[in-house]
Amino acid sequence: MKNILEIIADTSLFNGLPENQVKGIVRIAVEKRYGKGEIIFLEGDEGNGFYVVADGKVKIFKASINGKEQILHIYGPGNPFGEVPVFSGKEFPANAQAMLKSHLLFFPRTAFVELITTNPSLAMNMLAVLSMRLREFTVQIENLSLKEVPGRLSSYLLYLADEQKSGTNIFLPISKGQLASLLGTIPETLSRIFTKMSSRNLIEINGRKIKLLDRSSLEDLAEHGKL
């Protein structure tokens, strides 16, 4: 199992920093552990710092008054979350919940801002990660507002294939119910689309294991959004 120094050094936010700076970051890190389903923070809570997933899985989501949930992101080991309030000094804009038993590293806002002021390279890393998050949100908004659900699903499957570097064989890291929420639909609709894509020999499904049979057609579906 990695120690805190190794976890921090491998995190995108801190990747490439010299060892003395990484050790400075280790000194302000606070270890926190959450059980499956435990809330980490709620929308509107004071943004008093941010987190990095050391082990486990965390979902970031919005919830309506009637209880409807929209998953925005799902983060695993090495991923930071809750960074925006570090700069804005405001509240968390969404909710965070542990999907599995999770080990997190918490970085208090005040201590981290002091580090940034003395380490410009750390500030550049932070800006790079925030720029990447902005790009992710732009793609997500485009998918949810402009594409039909089949197009959103195809885009996600292709994204997983690239992320997992597994060729045509991918593994769904979340349940199909959670995937439905991430794609802005309901489980019944998602199930019908999976069945339709399978019957057209675009994919082959075995539980959470999915084989991409026709990547070219999936790319076309991701672009145009209709089966």
C-alpha atoms as a PDB file:
ATOM      1  CA  MET A   1       0.000   0.000   0.000  1.00  0.00           C
ATOM      2  CA  LYS A   2       1.303   3.481  -0.879  1.00  0.00           C
ATOM      3  CA  ASN A   3       2.260   5.865   1.895  1.00  0.00           C
ATOM      4  CA  ILE A   4       1.007   9.455   1.983  1.00  0.00           C
ATOM      5  CA  LEU A   5       4.122  10.818   0.270  1.00  0.00           C
ATOM      6  CA  GLU A   6       3.687   8.398  -2.658  1.00  0.00           C
ATOM      7  CA  ILE A   7      -0.044   9.112  -2.945  1.00  0.00           C
ATOM      8  CA  ILE A   8       0.534  12.861  -3.079  1.00  0.00           C
ATOM      9  CA  ALA A   9       3.450  12.596  -5.510  1.00  0.00           C
ATOM     10  CA  ASP A  10       1.310  10.516  -7.915  1.00  0.00           C
ATOM     11  CA  THR A  11      -1.681  12.893  -7.811  1.00  0.00           C
ATOM     12  CA  SER A  12      -2.201  14.990 -10.962  1.00  0.00           C
ATOM     13  CA  LEU A  13      -2.382  18.123  -8.858  1.00  0.00           C
ATOM     14  CA  PHE A  14       1.120  17.603  -7.466  1.00  0.00           C
ATOM     15  CA  ASN A  15       2.745  15.567 -10.225  1.00  0.00           C
ATOM     16  CA  GLY A  16       6.221  16.766 -11.181  1.00  0.00           C
ATOM     17  CA  LEU A  17       6.817  18.900  -8.091  1.00  0.00           C
ATOM     18  CA  PRO A  18      10.243  18.652  -6.433  1.00  0.00           C
ATOM     19  CA  GLU A  19      10.479  16.415  -3.385  1.00  0.00           C
ATOM     20  CA  ASN A  20      10.890  19.288  -0.909  1.00  0.00           C
ATOM     21  CA  GLN A  21       7.573  20.812  -2.082  1.00  0.00           C
ATOM     22  CA  VAL A  22       5.820  17.433  -1.902  1.00  0.00           C
ATOM     23  CA  LYS A  23       7.059  17.027   1.675  1.00  0.00           C
ATOM     24  CA  GLY A  24       5.595  20.452   2.475  1.00  0.00           C
ATOM     25  CA  ILE A  25       2.246  19.283   1.139  1.00  0.00           C
ATOM     26  CA  VAL A  26       2.469  16.071   3.179  1.00  0.00           C
ATOM     27  CA  ARG A  27       2.879  18.154   6.344  1.00  0.00           C
ATOM     28  CA  ILE A  28      -0.507  19.846   5.916  1.00  0.00           C
ATOM     29  CA  ALA A  29      -2.413  16.727   4.770  1.00  0.00           C
ATOM     30  CA  VAL A  30      -5.064  15.369   7.146  1.00  0.00           C
ATOM     31  CA  GLU A  31      -6.131  11.737   6.748  1.00  0.00           C
ATOM     32  CA  LYS A  32      -9.883  11.118   6.800  1.00  0.00           C
ATOM     33  CA  ARG A  33     -11.811   7.868   6.439  1.00  0.00           C
ATOM     34  CA  TYR A  34     -15.438   7.441   5.385  1.00  0.00           C
ATOM     35  CA  GLY A  35     -17.729   4.438   5.277  1.00  0.00           C
ATOM     36  CA  LYS A  36     -19.746   3.464   2.213  1.00  0.00           C
ATOM     37  CA  GLY A  37     -22.591   5.937   1.724  1.00  0.00           C
ATOM     38  CA  GLU A  38     -21.199   8.477   4.184  1.00  0.00           C
ATOM     39  CA  ILE A  39     -21.519  12.146   3.215  1.00  0.00           C
ATOM     40  CA  ILE A  40     -18.216  14.012   2.942  1.00  0.00           C
ATOM     41  CA  PHE A  41     -19.706  17.456   2.442  1.00  0.00           C
ATOM     42  CA  LEU A  42     -23.001  18.973   1.341  1.00  0.00           C
ATOM     43  CA  GLU A  43     -23.731  21.704  -1.170  1.00  0.00           C
ATOM     44  CA  GLY A  44     -23.551  25.002   0.690  1.00  0.00           C
ATOM     45  CA  ASP A  45     -21.072  23.812   3.320  1.00  0.00           C
ATOM     46  CA  GLU A  46     -18.106  26.101   3.869  1.00  0.00           C
ATOM     47  CA  GLY A  47     -15.332  25.332   1.384  1.00  0.00           C
ATOM     48  CA  ASN A  48     -12.669  25.028   4.058  1.00  0.00           C
ATOM     49  CA  GLY A  49     -10.355  22.828   1.994  1.00  0.00           C
ATOM     50  CA  PHE A  50     -10.204  20.141  -0.664  1.00  0.00           C
ATOM     51  CA  TYR A  51      -9.640  16.396  -0.861  1.00  0.00           C
ATOM     52  CA  VAL A  52      -7.632  13.762  -2.719  1.00  0.00           C
ATOM     53  CA  VAL A  53      -8.859  10.173  -2.945  1.00  0.00           C
ATOM     54  CA  ALA A  54      -6.150   7.881  -1.525  1.00  0.00           C
ATOM     55  CA  ASP A  55      -8.332   4.777  -1.757  1.00  0.00           C
ATOM     56  CA  GLY A  56     -12.000   4.122  -2.502  1.00  0.00           C
ATOM     57  CA  LYS A  57     -14.472   5.986  -4.683  1.00  0.00           C
ATOM     58  CA  VAL A  58     -16.351   9.287  -4.293  1.00  0.00           C
ATOM     59  CA  LYS A  59     -19.279  10.728  -6.224  1.00  0.00           C
ATOM     60  CA  ILE A  60     -19.986  14.427  -6.669  1.00  0.00           C
ATOM     61  CA  PHE A  61     -23.671  15.111  -7.219  1.00  0.00           C
ATOM     62  CA  LYS A  62     -26.497  17.624  -7.132  1.00  0.00           C
ATOM     63  CA  ALA A  63     -29.885  16.791  -5.619  1.00  0.00           C
ATOM     64  CA  SER A  64     -33.267  18.401  -6.287  1.00  0.00           C
ATOM     65  CA  ILE A  65     -35.890  19.191  -3.634  1.00  0.00           C
ATOM     66  CA  ASN A  66     -37.859  16.076  -4.618  1.00  0.00           C
ATOM     67  CA  GLY A  67     -34.781  13.875  -4.205  1.00  0.00           C
ATOM     68  CA  LYS A  68     -33.774  13.452  -7.835  1.00  0.00           C
ATOM     69  CA  GLU A  69     -30.010  13.022  -8.128  1.00  0.00           C
ATOM     70  CA  GLN A  70     -27.675  14.079 -10.918  1.00  0.00           C
ATOM     71  CA  ILE A  71     -24.163  12.663 -10.653  1.00  0.00           C
ATOM     72  CA  LEU A  72     -21.573  15.152 -11.901  1.00  0.00           C
ATOM     73  CA  HIS A  73     -18.345  13.204 -11.361  1.00  0.00           C
ATOM     74  CA  ILE A  74     -17.053   9.959  -9.917  1.00  0.00           C
ATOM     75  CA  TYR A  75     -13.498   9.999  -8.600  1.00  0.00           C
ATOM     76  CA  GLY A  76     -11.146   7.154  -7.672  1.00  0.00           C
ATOM     77  CA  PRO A  77      -7.616   7.000  -6.237  1.00  0.00           C
ATOM     78  CA  GLY A  78      -5.352   9.893  -7.155  1.00  0.00           C
ATOM     79  CA  ASN A  79      -8.164  12.296  -8.043  1.00  0.00           C
ATOM     80  CA  PRO A  80      -8.606  15.627  -6.237  1.00  0.00           C
ATOM     81  CA  PHE A  81     -12.064  17.118  -5.637  1.00  0.00           C
ATOM     82  CA  GLY A  82     -13.547  20.191  -3.994  1.00  0.00           C
ATOM     83  CA  GLU A  83     -10.713  22.433  -5.224  1.00  0.00           C
ATOM     84  CA  VAL A  84     -12.763  25.407  -6.479  1.00  0.00           C
ATOM     85  CA  PRO A  85     -13.504  26.905  -3.025  1.00  0.00           C
ATOM     86  CA  VAL A  86      -9.748  27.019  -2.348  1.00  0.00           C
ATOM     87  CA  PHE A  87      -9.622  30.001  -4.707  1.00  0.00           C
ATOM     88  CA  SER A  88     -13.162  31.373  -4.427  1.00  0.00           C
ATOM     89  CA  GLY A  89     -13.354  31.149  -0.645  1.00  0.00           C
ATOM     90  CA  LYS A  90     -17.009  30.218  -0.956  1.00  0.00           C
ATOM     91  CA  GLU A  91     -19.207  27.199  -0.307  1.00  0.00           C
ATOM     92  CA  PHE A  92     -18.995  23.789  -1.936  1.00  0.00           C
ATOM     93  CA  PRO A  93     -21.147  23.925  -5.108  1.00  0.00           C
ATOM     94  CA  ALA A  94     -22.300  20.281  -4.902  1.00  0.00           C
ATOM     95  CA  ASN A  95     -22.466  17.266  -2.582  1.00  0.00           C
ATOM     96  CA  ALA A  96     -19.781  14.598  -2.089  1.00  0.00           C
ATOM     97  CA  GLN A  97     -20.445  11.060  -0.872  1.00  0.00           C
ATOM     98  CA  ALA A  98     -18.280   7.961  -0.446  1.00  0.00           C
ATOM     99  CA  MET A  99     -19.461   5.219  -2.808  1.00  0.00           C
ATOM    100  CA  LEU A 100     -17.147   2.704  -1.139  1.00  0.00           C
ATOM    101  CA  LYS A 101     -15.199   2.632   2.100  1.00  0.00           C
ATOM    102  CA  SER A 102     -12.779   5.465   1.336  1.00  0.00           C
ATOM    103  CA  HIS A 103      -9.486   6.862   2.581  1.00  0.00           C
ATOM    104  CA  LEU A 104      -9.109  10.563   1.764  1.00  0.00           C
ATOM    105  CA  LEU A 105      -6.469  13.214   2.265  1.00  0.00           C
ATOM    106  CA  PHE A 106      -7.835  16.616   3.286  1.00  0.00           C
ATOM    107  CA  PHE A 107      -5.919  19.837   2.622  1.00  0.00           C
ATOM    108  CA  PRO A 108      -7.077  22.829   4.729  1.00  0.00           C
ATOM    109  CA  ARG A 109      -7.653  25.916   2.601  1.00  0.00           C
ATOM    110  CA  THR A 110      -5.631  28.398   4.677  1.00  0.00           C
ATOM    111  CA  ALA A 111      -2.544  26.173   4.911  1.00  0.00           C
ATOM    112  CA  PHE A 112      -2.713  25.292   1.204  1.00  0.00           C
ATOM    113  CA  VAL A 113      -3.042  28.919   0.079  1.00  0.00           C
ATOM    114  CA  GLU A 114       0.081  29.727   2.109  1.00  0.00           C
ATOM    115  CA  LEU A 115       1.938  26.972   0.238  1.00  0.00           C
ATOM    116  CA  ILE A 116       0.794  28.307  -3.137  1.00  0.00           C
ATOM    117  CA  THR A 117       2.052  31.814  -2.409  1.00  0.00           C
ATOM    118  CA  THR A 118       5.566  30.464  -1.865  1.00  0.00           C
ATOM    119  CA  ASN A 119       5.504  27.805  -4.624  1.00  0.00           C
ATOM    120  CA  PRO A 120       4.444  29.204  -8.045  1.00  0.00           C
ATOM    121  CA  SER A 121       4.894  25.758  -9.685  1.00  0.00           C
ATOM    122  CA  LEU A 122       2.178  24.394  -7.394  1.00  0.00           C
ATOM    123  CA  ALA A 123      -0.152  27.186  -8.513  1.00  0.00           C
ATOM    124  CA  MET A 124       0.484  26.238 -12.165  1.00  0.00           C
ATOM    125  CA  ASN A 125      -0.393  22.596 -11.444  1.00  0.00           C
ATOM    126  CA  MET A 126      -3.590  23.740  -9.748  1.00  0.00           C
ATOM    127  CA  LEU A 127      -4.551  25.888 -12.738  1.00  0.00           C
ATOM    128  CA  ALA A 128      -3.910  22.976 -15.121  1.00  0.00           C
ATOM    129  CA  VAL A 129      -6.213  20.678 -13.121  1.00  0.00           C
ATOM    130  CA  LEU A 130      -8.942  23.320 -12.858  1.00  0.00           C
ATOM    131  CA  SER A 131      -8.709  23.937 -16.621  1.00  0.00           C
ATOM    132  CA  MET A 132      -9.148  20.215 -17.218  1.00  0.00           C
ATOM    133  CA  ARG A 133     -12.202  20.175 -14.930  1.00  0.00           C
ATOM    134  CA  LEU A 134     -13.710  23.114 -16.816  1.00  0.00           C
ATOM    135  CA  ARG A 135     -13.233  21.229 -20.072  1.00  0.00           C
ATOM    136  CA  GLU A 136     -14.898  18.143 -18.555  1.00  0.00           C
ATOM    137  CA  PHE A 137     -17.888  20.232 -17.464  1.00  0.00           C
ATOM    138  CA  THR A 138     -18.163  21.769 -20.938  1.00  0.00           C
ATOM    139  CA  VAL A 139     -18.280  18.294 -22.522  1.00  0.00           C
ATOM    140  CA  GLN A 140     -20.787  17.091 -19.926  1.00  0.00           C
ATOM    141  CA  ILE A 141     -23.093  20.067 -20.484  1.00  0.00           C
ATOM    142  CA  GLU A 142     -22.869  19.528 -24.241  1.00  0.00           C
ATOM    143  CA  ASN A 143     -23.729  15.845 -23.844  1.00  0.00           C
ATOM    144  CA  LEU A 144     -26.669  16.454 -21.514  1.00  0.00           C
ATOM    145  CA  SER A 145     -28.167  19.346 -23.452  1.00  0.00           C
ATOM    146  CA  LEU A 146     -27.446  18.533 -27.086  1.00  0.00           C
ATOM    147  CA  LYS A 147     -27.216  14.728 -27.363  1.00  0.00           C
ATOM    148  CA  GLU A 148     -29.841  12.030 -27.057  1.00  0.00           C
ATOM    149  CA  VAL A 149     -29.219   9.388 -24.380  1.00  0.00           C
ATOM    150  CA  PRO A 150     -27.774   6.821 -26.868  1.00  0.00           C
ATOM    151  CA  GLY A 151     -25.150   9.378 -27.863  1.00  0.00           C
ATOM    152  CA  ARG A 152     -24.299  10.104 -24.229  1.00  0.00           C
ATOM    153  CA  LEU A 153     -23.922   6.380 -23.508  1.00  0.00           C
ATOM    154  CA  SER A 154     -21.732   5.815 -26.571  1.00  0.00           C
ATOM    155  CA  SER A 155     -19.517   8.753 -25.594  1.00  0.00           C
ATOM    156  CA  TYR A 156     -19.118   7.326 -22.094  1.00  0.00           C
ATOM    157  CA  LEU A 157     -18.268   3.828 -23.316  1.00  0.00           C
ATOM    158  CA  LEU A 158     -15.651   5.221 -25.697  1.00  0.00           C
ATOM    159  CA  TYR A 159     -14.259   7.368 -22.887  1.00  0.00           C
ATOM    160  CA  LEU A 160     -13.937   4.273 -20.660  1.00  0.00           C
ATOM    161  CA  ALA A 161     -12.187   2.351 -23.443  1.00  0.00           C
ATOM    162  CA  ASP A 162      -9.603   5.133 -23.744  1.00  0.00           C
ATOM    163  CA  GLU A 163      -9.248   5.626 -19.981  1.00  0.00           C
ATOM    164  CA  GLN A 164      -8.871   1.915 -19.218  1.00  0.00           C
ATOM    165  CA  LYS A 165      -6.570   1.361 -22.213  1.00  0.00           C
ATOM    166  CA  SER A 166      -8.216  -2.022 -22.641  1.00  0.00           C
ATOM    167  CA  GLY A 167      -8.906  -2.020 -26.371  1.00  0.00           C
ATOM    168  CA  THR A 168     -12.453  -3.206 -26.972  1.00  0.00           C
ATOM    169  CA  ASN A 169     -13.051  -4.731 -23.523  1.00  0.00           C
ATOM    170  CA  ILE A 170     -14.196  -2.361 -20.795  1.00  0.00           C
ATOM    171  CA  PHE A 171     -15.501  -2.642 -17.258  1.00  0.00           C
ATOM    172  CA  LEU A 172     -18.234  -0.382 -15.863  1.00  0.00           C
ATOM    173  CA  PRO A 173     -16.794   1.090 -12.644  1.00  0.00           C
ATOM    174  CA  ILE A 174     -20.258   2.018 -11.355  1.00  0.00           C
ATOM    175  CA  SER A 175     -23.691   0.382 -11.243  1.00  0.00           C
ATOM    176  CA  LYS A 176     -26.094   0.886 -14.137  1.00  0.00           C
ATOM    177  CA  GLY A 177     -28.337   2.916 -11.824  1.00  0.00           C
ATOM    178  CA  GLN A 178     -25.459   5.273 -11.066  1.00  0.00           C
ATOM    179  CA  LEU A 179     -24.569   5.385 -14.758  1.00  0.00           C
ATOM    180  CA  ALA A 180     -28.145   6.425 -15.560  1.00  0.00           C
ATOM    181  CA  SER A 181     -27.817   9.323 -13.112  1.00  0.00           C
ATOM    182  CA  LEU A 182     -24.447  10.308 -14.572  1.00  0.00           C
ATOM    183  CA  LEU A 183     -25.969  10.386 -18.078  1.00  0.00           C
ATOM    184  CA  GLY A 184     -29.063  12.301 -16.997  1.00  0.00           C
ATOM    185  CA  THR A 185     -31.619   9.553 -17.599  1.00  0.00           C
ATOM    186  CA  ILE A 186     -33.462   6.797 -15.696  1.00  0.00           C
ATOM    187  CA  PRO A 187     -32.416   3.127 -15.325  1.00  0.00           C
ATOM    188  CA  GLU A 188     -35.308   1.817 -17.432  1.00  0.00           C
ATOM    189  CA  THR A 189     -34.368   4.010 -20.388  1.00  0.00           C
ATOM    190  CA  LEU A 190     -30.695   3.094 -20.047  1.00  0.00           C
ATOM    191  CA  SER A 191     -31.561  -0.624 -19.957  1.00  0.00           C
ATOM    192  CA  ARG A 192     -33.589  -0.324 -23.177  1.00  0.00           C
ATOM    193  CA  ILE A 193     -30.708   1.459 -24.923  1.00  0.00           C
ATOM    194  CA  PHE A 194     -28.208  -1.180 -23.786  1.00  0.00           C
ATOM    195  CA  THR A 195     -30.526  -3.876 -25.174  1.00  0.00           C
ATOM    196  CA  LYS A 196     -30.943  -2.032 -28.470  1.00  0.00           C
ATOM    197  CA  MET A 197     -27.194  -1.466 -28.873  1.00  0.00           C
ATOM    198  CA  SER A 198     -26.572  -5.129 -28.119  1.00  0.00           C
ATOM    199  CA  SER A 199     -29.197  -6.320 -30.633  1.00  0.00           C
ATOM    200  CA  ARG A 200     -27.542  -4.191 -33.315  1.00  0.00           C
ATOM    201  CA  ASN A 201     -24.168  -5.801 -32.552  1.00  0.00           C
ATOM    202  CA  LEU A 202     -22.593  -2.566 -31.381  1.00  0.00           C
ATOM    203  CA  ILE A 203     -21.701  -4.007 -27.979  1.00  0.00           C
ATOM    204  CA  GLU A 204     -21.726  -7.298 -26.100  1.00  0.00           C
ATOM    205  CA  ILE A 205     -22.792  -7.186 -22.433  1.00  0.00           C
ATOM    206  CA  ASN A 206     -21.856  -9.542 -19.635  1.00  0.00           C
ATOM    207  CA  GLY A 207     -22.798  -7.898 -16.342  1.00  0.00           C
ATOM    208  CA  ARG A 208     -20.443  -4.942 -15.933  1.00  0.00           C
ATOM    209  CA  LYS A 209     -18.137  -6.275 -18.626  1.00  0.00           C
ATOM    210  CA  ILE A 210     -18.811  -4.741 -22.034  1.00  0.00           C
ATOM    211  CA  LYS A 211     -17.120  -5.521 -25.333  1.00  0.00           C
ATOM    212  CA  LEU A 212     -17.158  -2.868 -28.048  1.00  0.00           C
ATOM    213  CA  LEU A 213     -17.961  -4.757 -31.252  1.00  0.00           C
ATOM    214  CA  ASP A 214     -18.219  -1.837 -33.691  1.00  0.00           C
ATOM    215  CA  ARG A 215     -16.203   1.178 -32.551  1.00  0.00           C
ATOM    216  CA  SER A 216     -16.784   3.074 -35.796  1.00  0.00           C
ATOM    217  CA  SER A 217     -20.583   2.894 -35.399  1.00  0.00           C
ATOM    218  CA  LEU A 218     -20.278   3.823 -31.705  1.00  0.00           C
ATOM    219  CA  GLU A 219     -18.259   6.909 -32.648  1.00  0.00           C
ATOM    220  CA  ASP A 220     -20.935   7.845 -35.182  1.00  0.00           C
ATOM    221  CA  LEU A 221     -23.622   7.321 -32.527  1.00  0.00           C
ATOM    222  CA  ALA A 222     -21.674   9.464 -30.060  1.00  0.00           C
ATOM    223  CA  GLU A 223     -21.519  12.223 -32.666  1.00  0.00           C
ATOM    224  CA  HIS A 224     -25.115  12.141 -33.861  1.00  0.00           C
ATOM    225  CA  GLY A 225     -26.846  10.674 -30.813  1.00  0.00           C
ATOM    226  CA  LYS A 226     -29.627   8.541 -32.303  1.00  0.00           C
ATOM    227  CA  LEU A 227     -30.020   4.782 -32.743  1.00  0.00           C
END
